[in-house]
Amino acid sequence: QVHLVESGGGLVQPGGSLRVSCAASGSIFSNSAMAWYRQAPGKQREWVAVIQISGSTNYAESVQGRFTISRDNAKNTMYLQMNSLKPEDTAVYYCRATAREGAYWGQGIQVTVSS
């Protein structure tokens, strides 16, 4: 059984920074590609960033240069550092693990960017 738990969300002012984390239980973390998705109210869930097992990363154009994805395999944890936040970054952020055994989602965490 694999469980993913996000933490670190909350309310931040435009231009501010926030870091969200995704802690994974089970033994698949180091063998999984890890990704962040988000879903804003009334919109479809969208992909934000991915970090491969190798450590290579890719970002959606909307967050390129502002967000940084990273992983710590020793802690079974993935991070998303979000800088220069905009109101349009407001969403529920989800982490996803993709392994040979299948794909797993966290329950999501709210990030609100507002003054």
Protein backbone atom coordinates (compact mmCIF):
# COMPACT_ATOMS: atom_id res chain seq x y z
CA GLN A 1 0.00 0.00 0.00
CA VAL A 2 1.28 3.44 -0.94
CA HIS A 3 0.18 6.62 0.74
CA LEU A 4 1.08 10.13 -0.34
CA VAL A 5 0.49 13.01 2.06
CA GLU A 6 0.87 16.64 1.07
CA SER A 7 1.66 19.38 3.58
CA GLY A 8 2.74 23.01 3.72
CA GLY A 9 -0.12 24.71 1.93
CA GLY A 10 -1.89 27.81 3.10
CA LEU A 11 -2.53 31.47 2.35
CA VAL A 12 0.17 33.68 0.89
CA GLN A 13 0.19 37.17 -0.59
CA PRO A 14 0.90 37.77 -4.27
CA GLY A 15 4.63 37.82 -4.87
CA GLY A 16 5.25 35.61 -1.87
CA SER A 17 6.73 32.13 -1.54
CA LEU A 18 5.53 28.81 -0.23
CA ARG A 19 6.90 25.28 -0.14
CA VAL A 20 4.66 22.24 -0.28
CA SER A 21 5.84 18.74 0.51
CA CYS A 22 4.71 15.24 -0.39
CA ALA A 23 5.68 12.43 1.95
CA ALA A 24 5.40 8.89 0.66
CA SER A 25 4.99 5.72 2.62
CA GLY A 26 5.92 2.37 1.21
CA SER A 27 9.03 1.37 -0.68
CA ILE A 28 8.37 2.69 -4.17
CA PHE A 29 9.41 6.33 -3.80
CA SER A 30 12.97 5.99 -5.06
CA ASN A 31 11.71 4.01 -8.06
CA SER A 32 8.93 6.42 -8.97
CA ALA A 33 8.66 9.45 -11.16
CA MET A 34 7.08 12.10 -8.95
CA ALA A 35 4.90 14.95 -10.12
CA TRP A 36 2.79 17.86 -8.93
CA TYR A 37 -0.62 18.67 -10.35
CA ARG A 38 -3.11 21.35 -9.40
CA GLN A 39 -6.80 22.01 -9.79
CA ALA A 40 -8.32 25.44 -9.53
CA PRO A 41 -12.04 25.93 -8.81
CA GLY A 42 -14.11 25.20 -11.89
CA LYS A 43 -11.11 24.00 -13.89
CA GLN A 44 -9.63 20.67 -14.84
CA ARG A 45 -6.64 19.26 -13.01
CA GLU A 46 -3.43 20.32 -14.73
CA TRP A 47 0.13 19.10 -14.61
CA VAL A 48 2.62 21.44 -12.94
CA ALA A 49 6.02 19.73 -12.75
CA VAL A 50 7.71 16.35 -12.77
CA ILE A 51 10.95 14.96 -11.41
CA GLN A 52 12.20 11.69 -12.78
CA ILE A 53 14.06 8.92 -10.93
CA SER A 54 17.23 10.34 -12.49
CA GLY A 55 16.50 13.75 -10.99
CA SER A 56 15.72 15.44 -14.31
CA THR A 57 12.87 17.93 -14.15
CA ASN A 58 10.27 19.52 -16.39
CA TYR A 59 7.80 22.31 -15.76
CA ALA A 60 4.60 23.64 -17.18
CA GLU A 61 5.15 26.89 -19.02
CA SER A 62 2.95 28.76 -16.54
CA VAL A 63 5.32 28.02 -13.63
CA GLN A 64 8.67 27.81 -15.42
CA GLY A 65 11.23 29.98 -13.67
CA ARG A 66 9.07 30.44 -10.55
CA PHE A 67 8.60 26.91 -9.20
CA THR A 68 11.26 24.33 -8.35
CA ILE A 69 10.55 20.64 -7.88
CA SER A 70 12.96 18.47 -5.89
CA ARG A 71 13.10 15.14 -4.12
CA ASP A 72 14.91 13.60 -1.17
CA ASN A 73 14.95 9.84 -1.62
CA ALA A 74 16.40 9.30 1.86
CA LYS A 75 13.31 10.98 3.33
CA ASN A 76 10.81 9.63 0.78
CA THR A 77 9.73 13.21 0.25
CA MET A 78 9.17 15.49 -2.72
CA TYR A 79 8.99 19.26 -2.58
CA LEU A 80 7.64 22.12 -4.66
CA GLN A 81 9.17 25.49 -3.92
CA MET A 82 6.87 28.18 -5.26
CA ASN A 83 8.17 31.74 -5.64
CA SER A 84 6.66 34.90 -7.10
CA LEU A 85 3.22 33.48 -6.52
CA LYS A 86 0.26 34.88 -8.43
CA PRO A 87 -3.46 34.76 -7.68
CA GLU A 88 -3.86 32.38 -10.62
CA ASP A 89 -1.66 29.86 -8.77
CA THR A 90 -4.53 29.39 -6.31
CA ALA A 91 -5.54 25.73 -6.44
CA VAL A 92 -5.54 22.42 -4.67
CA TYR A 93 -2.12 20.90 -5.26
CA TYR A 94 -1.78 17.14 -5.63
CA CYS A 95 1.27 14.92 -5.73
CA ARG A 96 1.44 11.83 -7.88
CA ALA A 97 3.81 8.89 -7.89
CA THR A 98 4.19 6.76 -11.01
CA ALA A 99 5.89 3.39 -10.56
CA ARG A 100 5.80 0.02 -12.27
CA GLU A 101 3.13 -1.02 -9.79
CA GLY A 102 0.85 1.81 -10.81
CA ALA A 103 0.07 5.47 -10.21
CA TYR A 104 -0.83 6.94 -6.83
CA TRP A 105 -2.30 10.29 -5.78
CA GLY A 106 -2.21 12.28 -2.60
CA GLN A 107 -5.35 13.82 -1.11
CA GLY A 108 -4.38 17.36 -2.13
CA ILE A 109 -3.60 20.53 -0.23
CA GLN A 110 -4.98 24.04 -0.68
CA VAL A 111 -2.74 26.89 -1.76
CA THR A 112 -4.38 30.32 -1.85
CA VAL A 113 -2.66 33.40 -3.22
CA SER A 114 -4.52 36.50 -2.18
CA SER A 115 -4.03 39.88 -0.59
